[in-house]
């Protein structure tokens, strides 16, 4: 299922990559942290997955900054 999204504002603290297809495949666009961005024409209103890049996981209660 495609999302009807034309623009994004990344406020995650990490880069986020938007993908055309499910399961992180197909054309993609990486959005820097803190940036409001209009998606490229090939992704605009036609995107199905996204991934936060370089996710820093907590281990035993220790969370990296």
C-alpha atoms as a PDB file:
ATOM      1  CA  UNK A   1       0.000   0.000   0.000  1.00  0.00           C
ATOM      2  CA  UNK A   2       1.400   3.361  -1.001  1.00  0.00           C
ATOM      3  CA  UNK A   3       1.245   6.406   1.238  1.00  0.00           C
ATOM      4  CA  UNK A   4      -0.159   9.680   0.001  1.00  0.00           C
ATOM      5  CA  UNK A   5       2.787  11.767   1.226  1.00  0.00           C
ATOM      6  CA  UNK A   6       4.285  14.663  -0.728  1.00  0.00           C
ATOM      7  CA  UNK A   7       6.552  16.229   1.906  1.00  0.00           C
ATOM      8  CA  UNK A   8       8.211  15.237   5.167  1.00  0.00           C
ATOM      9  CA  UNK A   9       9.870  16.896   8.133  1.00  0.00           C
ATOM     10  CA  UNK A  10      12.512  14.733   9.764  1.00  0.00           C
ATOM     11  CA  UNK A  11      12.788  15.372  13.509  1.00  0.00           C
ATOM     12  CA  UNK A  12      14.219  11.986  14.549  1.00  0.00           C
ATOM     13  CA  UNK A  13      17.808  12.982  15.321  1.00  0.00           C
ATOM     14  CA  UNK A  14      18.968  10.629  12.526  1.00  0.00           C
ATOM     15  CA  UNK A  15      18.759  10.568   8.747  1.00  0.00           C
ATOM     16  CA  UNK A  16      15.633   8.851   7.402  1.00  0.00           C
ATOM     17  CA  UNK A  17      15.407   7.121   4.033  1.00  0.00           C
ATOM     18  CA  UNK A  18      12.034   6.989   2.237  1.00  0.00           C
ATOM     19  CA  UNK A  19      11.500   4.092  -0.222  1.00  0.00           C
ATOM     20  CA  UNK A  20       9.114   3.680  -3.140  1.00  0.00           C
ATOM     21  CA  UNK A  21       8.412  -0.003  -2.362  1.00  0.00           C
ATOM     22  CA  UNK A  22       7.698  -1.983   0.773  1.00  0.00           C
ATOM     23  CA  UNK A  23      10.619  -3.746   2.489  1.00  0.00           C
ATOM     24  CA  UNK A  24      13.019  -0.840   1.866  1.00  0.00           C
ATOM     25  CA  UNK A  25      13.422  -1.287  -1.888  1.00  0.00           C
ATOM     26  CA  UNK A  26      13.121   0.699  -5.083  1.00  0.00           C
ATOM     27  CA  UNK A  27      13.927   4.368  -5.601  1.00  0.00           C
ATOM     28  CA  UNK A  28      14.742   6.169  -2.362  1.00  0.00           C
ATOM     29  CA  UNK A  29      15.473   9.590  -0.917  1.00  0.00           C
ATOM     30  CA  UNK A  30      17.426  10.247   2.276  1.00  0.00           C
ATOM     31  CA  UNK A  31      16.133  13.083   4.439  1.00  0.00           C
ATOM     32  CA  UNK A  32      18.672  14.772   6.775  1.00  0.00           C
ATOM     33  CA  UNK A  33      17.703  15.342  10.406  1.00  0.00           C
ATOM     34  CA  UNK A  34      15.898  18.603  11.030  1.00  0.00           C
ATOM     35  CA  UNK A  35      14.982  19.150   7.404  1.00  0.00           C
ATOM     36  CA  UNK A  36      11.500  19.723   5.985  1.00  0.00           C
ATOM     37  CA  UNK A  37      11.681  18.363   2.431  1.00  0.00           C
ATOM     38  CA  UNK A  38       9.401  17.969  -0.575  1.00  0.00           C
ATOM     39  CA  UNK A  39       9.778  14.441  -1.912  1.00  0.00           C
ATOM     40  CA  UNK A  40      11.155  13.933  -5.412  1.00  0.00           C
ATOM     41  CA  UNK A  41       8.546  13.441  -8.160  1.00  0.00           C
ATOM     42  CA  UNK A  42       9.195   9.674  -8.346  1.00  0.00           C
ATOM     43  CA  UNK A  43       8.387   9.310  -4.615  1.00  0.00           C
ATOM     44  CA  UNK A  44       5.771  12.030  -4.166  1.00  0.00           C
ATOM     45  CA  UNK A  45       2.477  10.430  -3.082  1.00  0.00           C
ATOM     46  CA  UNK A  46       3.986   7.037  -4.006  1.00  0.00           C
ATOM     47  CA  UNK A  47       6.070   5.732  -1.110  1.00  0.00           C
ATOM     48  CA  UNK A  48       5.609   2.582   0.911  1.00  0.00           C
ATOM     49  CA  UNK A  49       8.362   2.294   3.526  1.00  0.00           C
ATOM     50  CA  UNK A  50      10.922   4.278   5.470  1.00  0.00           C
ATOM     51  CA  UNK A  51      13.918   3.483   7.650  1.00  0.00           C
ATOM     52  CA  UNK A  52      15.718   5.515  10.290  1.00  0.00           C
ATOM     53  CA  UNK A  53      19.404   5.269   9.403  1.00  0.00           C
ATOM     54  CA  UNK A  54      22.039   4.337  11.982  1.00  0.00           C
ATOM     55  CA  UNK A  55      19.557   3.620  14.759  1.00  0.00           C
ATOM     56  CA  UNK A  56      21.338   3.592  18.106  1.00  0.00           C
ATOM     57  CA  UNK A  57      19.759   0.971  20.329  1.00  0.00           C
ATOM     58  CA  UNK A  58      19.773   0.871  24.108  1.00  0.00           C
ATOM     59  CA  UNK A  59      21.664  -2.081  25.605  1.00  0.00           C
ATOM     60  CA  UNK A  60      21.169  -3.028  29.263  1.00  0.00           C
ATOM     61  CA  UNK A  61      19.714   0.402  30.010  1.00  0.00           C
ATOM     62  CA  UNK A  62      22.613   2.263  28.359  1.00  0.00           C
ATOM     63  CA  UNK A  63      21.399   4.447  25.518  1.00  0.00           C
ATOM     64  CA  UNK A  64      23.893   6.230  23.250  1.00  0.00           C
ATOM     65  CA  UNK A  65      23.277   9.899  22.560  1.00  0.00           C
END
